[in-house]
Amino acid sequence: MKRRDFVKQLGAGALVAGTVAAAGCSGQQQAAKNGVTGSAKSYHWKIVTTWPKNFPGMGTAVNKLVALIDEMSAGRLKIKVYGAG
């Protein structure tokens, strides 16, 4: 009978732990949905390509990607592109 009691307590503990974990995550998801962020810090990254700067196709695509990232991050993430050569 002790084994049954142990399994019942283990199941109840797992249920409580799962409920607490789910409740803790729900607040973070809500903040992300609203677009509210806790920090206004800006980041400056560098990216290096194997293509020369403004090379047709691949060289210009990275510039478009950087512009898109800048727009989506509301200017918080600035990326400087360094081409080959």
PDB file of N, CA and C in Angstrom:
ATOM      1  N   MET A   1       0.807  -1.199   0.000  1.00  0.00           N
ATOM      2  CA  MET A   1       0.000   0.000   0.000  1.00  0.00           C
ATOM      3  C   MET A   1       0.853   1.267   0.000  1.00  0.00           C
ATOM      4  N   LYS A   2       2.046   1.191   0.515  1.00  0.00           N
ATOM      5  CA  LYS A   2       2.888   2.372   0.551  1.00  0.00           C
ATOM      6  C   LYS A   2       3.254   2.825  -0.862  1.00  0.00           C
ATOM      7  N   ARG A   3       3.411   1.880  -1.769  1.00  0.00           N
ATOM      8  CA  ARG A   3       3.745   2.232  -3.138  1.00  0.00           C
ATOM      9  C   ARG A   3       2.620   3.038  -3.777  1.00  0.00           C
ATOM     10  N   ARG A   4       1.381   2.651  -3.539  1.00  0.00           N
ATOM     11  CA  ARG A   4       0.241   3.389  -4.091  1.00  0.00           C
ATOM     12  C   ARG A   4       0.194   4.810  -3.546  1.00  0.00           C
ATOM     13  N   ASP A   5       0.417   4.950  -2.266  1.00  0.00           N
ATOM     14  CA  ASP A   5       0.420   6.290  -1.676  1.00  0.00           C
ATOM     15  C   ASP A   5       1.534   7.147  -2.284  1.00  0.00           C
ATOM     16  N   PHE A   6       2.694   6.543  -2.478  1.00  0.00           N
ATOM     17  CA  PHE A   6       3.813   7.260  -3.068  1.00  0.00           C
ATOM     18  C   PHE A   6       3.483   7.721  -4.487  1.00  0.00           C
ATOM     19  N   VAL A   7       2.891   6.832  -5.279  1.00  0.00           N
ATOM     20  CA  VAL A   7       2.541   7.172  -6.658  1.00  0.00           C
ATOM     21  C   VAL A   7       1.483   8.270  -6.679  1.00  0.00           C
ATOM     22  N   LYS A   8       0.515   8.221  -5.779  1.00  0.00           N
ATOM     23  CA  LYS A   8      -0.510   9.264  -5.703  1.00  0.00           C
ATOM     24  C   LYS A   8       0.120  10.611  -5.364  1.00  0.00           C
ATOM     25  N   GLN A   9       1.017  10.620  -4.393  1.00  0.00           N
ATOM     26  CA  GLN A   9       1.667  11.864  -3.997  1.00  0.00           C
ATOM     27  C   GLN A   9       2.568  12.392  -5.110  1.00  0.00           C
ATOM     28  N   LEU A  10       3.231  11.495  -5.791  1.00  0.00           N
ATOM     29  CA  LEU A  10       4.087  11.891  -6.904  1.00  0.00           C
ATOM     30  C   LEU A  10       3.249  12.520  -8.023  1.00  0.00           C
ATOM     31  N   GLY A  11       2.119  11.916  -8.328  1.00  0.00           N
ATOM     32  CA  GLY A  11       1.226  12.462  -9.354  1.00  0.00           C
ATOM     33  C   GLY A  11       0.675  13.818  -8.953  1.00  0.00           C
ATOM     34  N   ALA A  12       0.282  13.959  -7.688  1.00  0.00           N
ATOM     35  CA  ALA A  12      -0.241  15.241  -7.210  1.00  0.00           C
ATOM     36  C   ALA A  12       0.847  16.309  -7.250  1.00  0.00           C
ATOM     37  N   GLY A  13       2.059  15.937  -6.881  1.00  0.00           N
ATOM     38  CA  GLY A  13       3.170  16.889  -6.922  1.00  0.00           C
ATOM     39  C   GLY A  13       3.486  17.331  -8.337  1.00  0.00           C
ATOM     40  N   ALA A  14       3.445  16.402  -9.268  1.00  0.00           N
ATOM     41  CA  ALA A  14       3.696  16.742 -10.670  1.00  0.00           C
ATOM     42  C   ALA A  14       2.611  17.665 -11.204  1.00  0.00           C
ATOM     43  N   LEU A  15       1.380  17.431 -10.804  1.00  0.00           N
ATOM     44  CA  LEU A  15       0.268  18.282 -11.226  1.00  0.00           C
ATOM     45  C   LEU A  15       0.442  19.696 -10.690  1.00  0.00           C
ATOM     46  N   VAL A  16       0.806  19.815  -9.425  1.00  0.00           N
ATOM     47  CA  VAL A  16       1.017  21.133  -8.823  1.00  0.00           C
ATOM     48  C   VAL A  16       2.192  21.844  -9.500  1.00  0.00           C
ATOM     49  N   ALA A  17       3.285  21.129  -9.728  1.00  0.00           N
ATOM     50  CA  ALA A  17       4.452  21.735 -10.376  1.00  0.00           C
ATOM     51  C   ALA A  17       4.116  22.201 -11.791  1.00  0.00           C
ATOM     52  N   GLY A  18       3.360  21.410 -12.518  1.00  0.00           N
ATOM     53  CA  GLY A  18       2.950  21.800 -13.867  1.00  0.00           C
ATOM     54  C   GLY A  18       2.051  23.018 -13.865  1.00  0.00           C
ATOM     55  N   THR A  19       1.147  23.081 -12.897  1.00  0.00           N
ATOM     56  CA  THR A  19       0.241  24.223 -12.791  1.00  0.00           C
ATOM     57  C   THR A  19       1.010  25.495 -12.461  1.00  0.00           C
ATOM     58  N   VAL A  20       1.941  25.405 -11.537  1.00  0.00           N
ATOM     59  CA  VAL A  20       2.748  26.571 -11.167  1.00  0.00           C
ATOM     60  C   VAL A  20       3.598  27.034 -12.346  1.00  0.00           C
ATOM     61  N   ALA A  21       4.184  26.098 -13.065  1.00  0.00           N
ATOM     62  CA  ALA A  21       5.008  26.456 -14.221  1.00  0.00           C
ATOM     63  C   ALA A  21       4.171  27.120 -15.308  1.00  0.00           C
ATOM     64  N   ALA A  22       2.986  26.593 -15.550  1.00  0.00           N
ATOM     65  CA  ALA A  22       2.111  27.174 -16.572  1.00  0.00           C
ATOM     66  C   ALA A  22       1.632  28.560 -16.156  1.00  0.00           C
ATOM     67  N   ALA A  23       1.347  28.741 -14.885  1.00  0.00           N
ATOM     68  CA  ALA A  23       0.891  30.047 -14.403  1.00  0.00           C
ATOM     69  C   ALA A  23       2.019  31.070 -14.488  1.00  0.00           C
ATOM     70  N   GLY A  24       3.234  30.646 -14.233  1.00  0.00           N
ATOM     71  CA  GLY A  24       4.374  31.555 -14.306  1.00  0.00           C
ATOM     72  C   GLY A  24       4.687  31.985 -15.719  1.00  0.00           C
ATOM     73  N   CYS A  25       4.448  31.144 -16.682  1.00  0.00           N
ATOM     74  CA  CYS A  25       4.736  31.463 -18.078  1.00  0.00           C
ATOM     75  C   CYS A  25       3.674  32.347 -18.703  1.00  0.00           C
ATOM     76  N   SER A  26       2.475  32.316 -18.195  1.00  0.00           N
ATOM     77  CA  SER A  26       1.388  33.047 -18.846  1.00  0.00           C
ATOM     78  C   SER A  26       1.613  34.546 -18.814  1.00  0.00           C
ATOM     79  N   GLY A  27       2.208  35.094 -17.782  1.00  0.00           N
ATOM     80  CA  GLY A  27       2.468  36.526 -17.704  1.00  0.00           C
ATOM     81  C   GLY A  27       3.480  36.973 -18.734  1.00  0.00           C
ATOM     82  N   GLN A  28       4.493  36.156 -18.989  1.00  0.00           N
ATOM     83  CA  GLN A  28       5.501  36.497 -19.971  1.00  0.00           C
ATOM     84  C   GLN A  28       4.911  36.490 -21.374  1.00  0.00           C
ATOM     85  N   GLN A  29       4.038  35.555 -21.661  1.00  0.00           N
ATOM     86  CA  GLN A  29       3.424  35.497 -22.981  1.00  0.00           C
ATOM     87  C   GLN A  29       2.522  36.702 -23.197  1.00  0.00           C
ATOM     88  N   GLN A  30       1.824  37.127 -22.181  1.00  0.00           N
ATOM     89  CA  GLN A  30       0.933  38.278 -22.304  1.00  0.00           C
ATOM     90  C   GLN A  30       1.739  39.536 -22.614  1.00  0.00           C
ATOM     91  N   ALA A  31       2.867  39.711 -21.953  1.00  0.00           N
ATOM     92  CA  ALA A  31       3.693  40.885 -22.200  1.00  0.00           C
ATOM     93  C   ALA A  31       4.220  40.872 -23.632  1.00  0.00           C
ATOM     94  N   ALA A  32       4.564  39.708 -24.135  1.00  0.00           N
ATOM     95  CA  ALA A  32       5.071  39.614 -25.496  1.00  0.00           C
ATOM     96  C   ALA A  32       3.978  39.917 -26.514  1.00  0.00           C
ATOM     97  N   LYS A  33       2.750  39.505 -26.227  1.00  0.00           N
ATOM     98  CA  LYS A  33       1.647  39.781 -27.145  1.00  0.00           C
ATOM     99  C   LYS A  33       1.383  41.274 -27.260  1.00  0.00           C
ATOM    100  N   ASN A  34       1.517  41.989 -26.150  1.00  0.00           N
ATOM    101  CA  ASN A  34       1.245  43.416 -26.151  1.00  0.00           C
ATOM    102  C   ASN A  34       2.388  44.227 -26.741  1.00  0.00           C
ATOM    103  N   GLY A  35       3.526  43.601 -26.976  1.00  0.00           N
ATOM    104  CA  GLY A  35       4.662  44.307 -27.525  1.00  0.00           C
ATOM    105  C   GLY A  35       5.400  45.134 -26.489  1.00  0.00           C
ATOM    106  N   VAL A  36       5.134  44.913 -25.232  1.00  0.00           N
ATOM    107  CA  VAL A  36       5.777  45.666 -24.169  1.00  0.00           C
ATOM    108  C   VAL A  36       7.090  44.984 -23.829  1.00  0.00           C
ATOM    109  N   THR A  37       8.149  45.741 -23.851  1.00  0.00           N
ATOM    110  CA  THR A  37       9.437  45.185 -23.480  1.00  0.00           C
ATOM    111  C   THR A  37       9.959  45.908 -22.257  1.00  0.00           C
ATOM    112  N   GLY A  38      10.770  45.220 -21.494  1.00  0.00           N
ATOM    113  CA  GLY A  38      11.259  45.787 -20.258  1.00  0.00           C
ATOM    114  C   GLY A  38      12.486  46.669 -20.428  1.00  0.00           C
ATOM    115  N   SER A  39      13.112  46.669 -21.593  1.00  0.00           N
ATOM    116  CA  SER A  39      14.343  47.427 -21.729  1.00  0.00           C
ATOM    117  C   SER A  39      14.338  48.209 -23.029  1.00  0.00           C
ATOM    118  N   ALA A  40      14.864  49.408 -22.968  1.00  0.00           N
ATOM    119  CA  ALA A  40      14.968  50.241 -24.159  1.00  0.00           C
ATOM    120  C   ALA A  40      16.415  50.292 -24.636  1.00  0.00           C
ATOM    121  N   LYS A  41      17.212  49.330 -24.222  1.00  0.00           N
ATOM    122  CA  LYS A  41      18.620  49.279 -24.576  1.00  0.00           C
ATOM    123  C   LYS A  41      18.775  48.979 -26.064  1.00  0.00           C
ATOM    124  N   SER A  42      19.736  49.626 -26.693  1.00  0.00           N
ATOM    125  CA  SER A  42      19.981  49.348 -28.103  1.00  0.00           C
ATOM    126  C   SER A  42      21.235  48.488 -28.234  1.00  0.00           C
ATOM    127  N   TYR A  43      21.274  47.707 -29.287  1.00  0.00           N
ATOM    128  CA  TYR A  43      22.367  46.774 -29.527  1.00  0.00           C
ATOM    129  C   TYR A  43      23.013  47.098 -30.863  1.00  0.00           C
ATOM    130  N   HIS A  44      24.323  46.966 -30.925  1.00  0.00           N
ATOM    131  CA  HIS A  44      25.073  47.219 -32.152  1.00  0.00           C
ATOM    132  C   HIS A  44      25.829  45.946 -32.506  1.00  0.00           C
ATOM    133  N   TRP A  45      25.472  45.360 -33.633  1.00  0.00           N
ATOM    134  CA  TRP A  45      26.081  44.120 -34.090  1.00  0.00           C
ATOM    135  C   TRP A  45      26.852  44.379 -35.373  1.00  0.00           C
ATOM    136  N   LYS A  46      27.728  43.450 -35.697  1.00  0.00           N
ATOM    137  CA  LYS A  46      28.472  43.481 -36.951  1.00  0.00           C
ATOM    138  C   LYS A  46      28.199  42.182 -37.686  1.00  0.00           C
ATOM    139  N   ILE A  47      28.129  42.264 -39.016  1.00  0.00           N
ATOM    140  CA  ILE A  47      27.969  41.068 -39.835  1.00  0.00           C
ATOM    141  C   ILE A  47      28.971  41.148 -40.980  1.00  0.00           C
ATOM    142  N   VAL A  48      29.613  40.037 -41.247  1.00  0.00           N
ATOM    143  CA  VAL A  48      30.605  39.963 -42.316  1.00  0.00           C
ATOM    144  C   VAL A  48      30.088  39.007 -43.382  1.00  0.00           C
ATOM    145  N   THR A  49      30.167  39.424 -44.640  1.00  0.00           N
ATOM    146  CA  THR A  49      29.742  38.561 -45.738  1.00  0.00           C
ATOM    147  C   THR A  49      30.962  38.104 -46.530  1.00  0.00           C
ATOM    148  N   THR A  50      30.790  37.054 -47.285  1.00  0.00           N
ATOM    149  CA  THR A  50      31.869  36.579 -48.155  1.00  0.00           C
ATOM    150  C   THR A  50      31.802  37.229 -49.527  1.00  0.00           C
ATOM    151  N   TRP A  51      30.793  38.044 -49.754  1.00  0.00           N
ATOM    152  CA  TRP A  51      30.621  38.736 -51.022  1.00  0.00           C
ATOM    153  C   TRP A  51      31.060  40.183 -50.873  1.00  0.00           C
ATOM    154  N   PRO A  52      31.523  40.781 -51.967  1.00  0.00           N
ATOM    155  CA  PRO A  52      31.872  42.203 -51.915  1.00  0.00           C
ATOM    156  C   PRO A  52      30.636  43.046 -51.600  1.00  0.00           C
ATOM    157  N   LYS A  53      30.875  44.215 -51.050  1.00  0.00           N
ATOM    158  CA  LYS A  53      29.774  45.107 -50.705  1.00  0.00           C
ATOM    159  C   LYS A  53      28.987  45.467 -51.965  1.00  0.00           C
ATOM    160  N   ASN A  54      27.660  45.430 -51.856  1.00  0.00           N
ATOM    161  CA  ASN A  54      26.717  45.735 -52.939  1.00  0.00           C
ATOM    162  C   ASN A  54      26.866  44.812 -54.144  1.00  0.00           C
ATOM    163  N   PHE A  55      27.347  43.594 -53.935  1.00  0.00           N
ATOM    164  CA  PHE A  55      27.417  42.589 -54.987  1.00  0.00           C
ATOM    165  C   PHE A  55      25.991  42.211 -55.374  1.00  0.00           C
ATOM    166  N   PRO A  56      25.652  42.190 -56.679  1.00  0.00           N
ATOM    167  CA  PRO A  56      24.278  41.878 -57.083  1.00  0.00           C
ATOM    168  C   PRO A  56      23.822  40.523 -56.546  1.00  0.00           C
ATOM    169  N   GLY A  57      22.649  40.506 -56.002  1.00  0.00           N
ATOM    170  CA  GLY A  57      22.088  39.266 -55.457  1.00  0.00           C
ATOM    171  C   GLY A  57      22.388  39.125 -53.985  1.00  0.00           C
ATOM    172  N   MET A  58      23.410  38.337 -53.675  1.00  0.00           N
ATOM    173  CA  MET A  58      23.709  38.022 -52.277  1.00  0.00           C
ATOM    174  C   MET A  58      24.227  39.228 -51.502  1.00  0.00           C
ATOM    175  N   GLY A  59      24.998  40.076 -52.128  1.00  0.00           N
ATOM    176  CA  GLY A  59      25.544  41.244 -51.441  1.00  0.00           C
ATOM    177  C   GLY A  59      24.498  42.279 -51.094  1.00  0.00           C
ATOM    178  N   THR A  60      23.494  42.429 -51.955  1.00  0.00           N
ATOM    179  CA  THR A  60      22.435  43.399 -51.669  1.00  0.00           C
ATOM    180  C   THR A  60      21.352  42.805 -50.779  1.00  0.00           C
ATOM    181  N   ALA A  61      21.215  41.484 -50.780  1.00  0.00           N
ATOM    182  CA  ALA A  61      20.190  40.838 -49.950  1.00  0.00           C
ATOM    183  C   ALA A  61      20.468  41.052 -48.469  1.00  0.00           C
ATOM    184  N   VAL A  62      21.740  41.025 -48.085  1.00  0.00           N
ATOM    185  CA  VAL A  62      22.067  41.227 -46.675  1.00  0.00           C
ATOM    186  C   VAL A  62      21.726  42.652 -46.244  1.00  0.00           C
ATOM    187  N   ASN A  63      21.868  43.612 -47.140  1.00  0.00           N
ATOM    188  CA  ASN A  63      21.491  44.989 -46.810  1.00  0.00           C
ATOM    189  C   ASN A  63      19.984  45.106 -46.600  1.00  0.00           C
ATOM    190  N   LYS A  64      19.217  44.389 -47.411  1.00  0.00           N
ATOM    191  CA  LYS A  64      17.762  44.387 -47.236  1.00  0.00           C
ATOM    192  C   LYS A  64      17.377  43.722 -45.919  1.00  0.00           C
ATOM    193  N   LEU A  65      18.082  42.642 -45.574  1.00  0.00           N
ATOM    194  CA  LEU A  65      17.826  41.956 -44.310  1.00  0.00           C
ATOM    195  C   LEU A  65      18.119  42.873 -43.126  1.00  0.00           C
ATOM    196  N   VAL A  66      19.230  43.589 -43.190  1.00  0.00           N
ATOM    197  CA  VAL A  66      19.592  44.513 -42.110  1.00  0.00           C
ATOM    198  C   VAL A  66      18.544  45.612 -41.976  1.00  0.00           C
ATOM    199  N   ALA A  67      18.058  46.131 -43.086  1.00  0.00           N
ATOM    200  CA  ALA A  67      17.018  47.161 -43.036  1.00  0.00           C
ATOM    201  C   ALA A  67      15.730  46.613 -42.431  1.00  0.00           C
ATOM    202  N   LEU A  68      15.383  45.384 -42.775  1.00  0.00           N
ATOM    203  CA  LEU A  68      14.181  44.758 -42.227  1.00  0.00           C
ATOM    204  C   LEU A  68      14.315  44.534 -40.723  1.00  0.00           C
ATOM    205  N   ILE A  69      15.472  44.070 -40.277  1.00  0.00           N
ATOM    206  CA  ILE A  69      15.704  43.862 -38.844  1.00  0.00           C
ATOM    207  C   ILE A  69      15.647  45.186 -38.094  1.00  0.00           C
ATOM    208  N   ASP A  70      16.216  46.233 -38.676  1.00  0.00           N
ATOM    209  CA  ASP A  70      16.173  47.556 -38.050  1.00  0.00           C
ATOM    210  C   ASP A  70      14.734  48.037 -37.891  1.00  0.00           C
ATOM    211  N   GLU A  71      13.934  47.815 -38.918  1.00  0.00           N
ATOM    212  CA  GLU A  71      12.525  48.222 -38.870  1.00  0.00           C
ATOM    213  C   GLU A  71      11.740  47.407 -37.841  1.00  0.00           C
ATOM    214  N   MET A  72      11.954  46.100 -37.830  1.00  0.00           N
ATOM    215  CA  MET A  72      11.203  45.236 -36.919  1.00  0.00           C
ATOM    216  C   MET A  72      11.602  45.440 -35.457  1.00  0.00           C
ATOM    217  N   SER A  73      12.838  45.851 -35.216  1.00  0.00           N
ATOM    218  CA  SER A  73      13.286  46.071 -33.840  1.00  0.00           C
ATOM    219  C   SER A  73      13.073  47.509 -33.394  1.00  0.00           C
ATOM    220  N   ALA A  74      12.431  48.304 -34.215  1.00  0.00           N
ATOM    221  CA  ALA A  74      12.161  49.718 -33.916  1.00  0.00           C
ATOM    222  C   ALA A  74      13.463  50.477 -33.649  1.00  0.00           C
ATOM    223  N   GLY A  75      14.512  50.116 -34.364  1.00  0.00           N
ATOM    224  CA  GLY A  75      15.778  50.806 -34.245  1.00  0.00           C
ATOM    225  C   GLY A  75      16.626  50.386 -33.059  1.00  0.00           C
ATOM    226  N   ARG A  76      16.194  49.402 -32.307  1.00  0.00           N
ATOM    227  CA  ARG A  76      16.955  48.960 -31.132  1.00  0.00           C
ATOM    228  C   ARG A  76      18.124  48.062 -31.511  1.00  0.00           C
ATOM    229  N   LEU A  77      18.058  47.433 -32.671  1.00  0.00           N
ATOM    230  CA  LEU A  77      19.122  46.539 -33.117  1.00  0.00           C
ATOM    231  C   LEU A  77      19.735  47.112 -34.392  1.00  0.00           C
ATOM    232  N   LYS A  78      20.933  47.640 -34.260  1.00  0.00           N
ATOM    233  CA  LYS A  78      21.649  48.217 -35.396  1.00  0.00           C
ATOM    234  C   LYS A  78      22.720  47.234 -35.841  1.00  0.00           C
ATOM    235  N   ILE A  79      22.747  46.940 -37.134  1.00  0.00           N
ATOM    236  CA  ILE A  79      23.709  45.989 -37.675  1.00  0.00           C
ATOM    237  C   ILE A  79      24.530  46.685 -38.755  1.00  0.00           C
ATOM    238  N   LYS A  80      25.848  46.595 -38.643  1.00  0.00           N
ATOM    239  CA  LYS A  80      26.748  47.157 -39.653  1.00  0.00           C
ATOM    240  C   LYS A  80      27.273  46.014 -40.510  1.00  0.00           C
ATOM    241  N   VAL A  81      27.142  46.167 -41.823  1.00  0.00           N
ATOM    242  CA  VAL A  81      27.542  45.126 -42.773  1.00  0.00           C
ATOM    243  C   VAL A  81      28.956  45.404 -43.263  1.00  0.00           C
ATOM    244  N   TYR A  82      29.800  44.385 -43.194  1.00  0.00           N
ATOM    245  CA  TYR A  82      31.154  44.452 -43.730  1.00  0.00           C
ATOM    246  C   TYR A  82      31.256  43.443 -44.865  1.00  0.00           C
ATOM    247  N   GLY A  83      31.498  43.944 -46.080  1.00  0.00           N
ATOM    248  CA  GLY A  83      31.641  43.070 -47.235  1.00  0.00           C
ATOM    249  C   GLY A  83      33.061  42.545 -47.356  1.00  0.00           C
ATOM    250  N   ALA A  84      33.222  41.534 -48.170  1.00  0.00           N
ATOM    251  CA  ALA A  84      34.551  40.954 -48.386  1.00  0.00           C
ATOM    252  C   ALA A  84      35.430  41.939 -49.134  1.00  0.00           C
ATOM    253  N   GLY A  85      36.715  41.828 -48.898  1.00  0.00           N
ATOM    254  CA  GLY A  85      37.661  42.655 -49.634  1.00  0.00           C
ATOM    255  C   GLY A  85      37.905  43.884 -48.914  1.00  0.00           C
TER     256      GLY A  85
END
